[in-house]
Protein backbone atom coordinates (compact mmCIF):
# COMPACT_ATOMS: atom_id res chain seq x y z
CA MET A 1 4.34 -6.64 1.33
CA ALA A 2 6.53 -4.16 0.17
CA PHE A 3 8.71 -1.68 1.14
CA SER A 4 8.77 1.84 -0.18
CA PRO A 5 11.74 3.03 -2.31
CA ASP A 6 13.35 4.90 0.31
CA GLY A 7 12.38 2.40 3.38
CA ARG A 8 10.47 4.10 5.31
CA LEU A 9 7.03 2.96 4.42
CA LEU A 10 5.54 -0.60 4.47
CA ALA A 11 2.34 -1.32 2.52
CA SER A 12 0.56 -4.96 3.48
CA GLY A 13 -2.27 -6.32 1.53
CA SER A 14 -5.28 -8.03 3.72
CA GLU A 15 -7.74 -11.18 3.26
CA ASP A 16 -10.09 -7.95 4.58
CA THR A 17 -9.88 -6.22 1.46
CA THR A 18 -7.83 -3.15 2.73
CA ILE A 19 -4.16 -2.54 2.27
CA LYS A 20 -2.39 -0.74 5.29
CA LEU A 21 0.38 1.59 4.94
CA TRP A 22 3.23 1.73 7.90
CA GLU A 23 5.69 3.80 9.10
CA VAL A 24 8.62 1.55 9.59
CA ALA A 25 10.33 3.62 12.01
CA THR A 26 7.82 3.79 14.09
CA GLY A 27 5.38 0.68 13.62
CA GLN A 28 2.43 3.18 13.49
CA GLU A 29 -0.28 2.51 10.86
CA VAL A 30 -0.39 6.02 9.12
CA ARG A 31 -3.78 4.71 6.16
CA THR A 32 -5.99 2.05 5.40
CA LEU A 33 -6.54 1.95 1.58
CA SER A 34 -10.28 0.71 0.65
CA GLY A 35 -11.72 -0.34 -2.71
CA HIS A 36 -11.12 -3.90 -3.43
CA THR A 37 -14.23 -6.18 -2.85
CA SER A 38 -11.96 -9.52 -2.04
CA SER A 39 -8.75 -10.23 -0.67
CA VAL A 40 -5.61 -8.15 -1.50
CA TRP A 41 -2.68 -10.36 -2.72
CA SER A 42 0.36 -7.90 -3.84
CA VAL A 43 1.46 -4.36 -3.43
CA ALA A 44 4.25 -2.51 -5.45
CA PHE A 45 5.31 0.57 -4.85
CA SER A 46 6.40 2.84 -7.78
CA PRO A 47 10.19 3.66 -8.04
CA ASP A 48 9.31 7.45 -6.96
CA GLY A 49 7.14 6.08 -4.21
CA ARG A 50 4.14 8.47 -5.05
CA LEU A 51 2.23 5.13 -6.05
CA LEU A 52 1.42 2.27 -4.91
CA ALA A 53 -0.16 -1.29 -6.98
CA SER A 54 -2.56 -3.50 -5.56
CA SER A 55 -3.93 -6.58 -7.05
CA SER A 56 -7.07 -8.55 -5.54
CA SER A 57 -8.75 -11.63 -6.43
CA ASP A 58 -11.75 -9.64 -7.18
CA GLY A 59 -9.70 -9.51 -10.58
CA THR A 60 -8.71 -5.96 -10.05
CA ILE A 61 -5.52 -3.81 -10.04
CA LYS A 62 -5.78 -0.39 -8.72
CA LEU A 63 -3.06 2.46 -8.36
CA TRP A 64 -3.14 4.29 -5.52
CA ASP A 65 -1.87 8.04 -4.92
CA ILE A 66 0.17 8.11 -1.88
CA SER A 67 2.31 11.31 -2.96
CA ASP A 68 0.83 13.24 0.27
CA LEU A 69 2.50 10.58 2.37
CA VAL A 70 6.28 11.03 0.34
CA GLY A 71 8.51 13.80 2.53
CA ARG A 72 6.52 13.35 5.34
């Protein structure tokens, strides 16, 4: 799990191969990211919060553009 730099979002990786983004203030899920084919082990936000990196036991690292969620 990782908090966004502004503290508004929380990203969680899962054994179900997805990443969920949560709004911290409300606890509401705001997005599910799919693309890995095995468990997601780690997630990290870029310093500006516009990108999310994830790594998986499928041997891949992915970068996700979540800039549409910044400034919500």
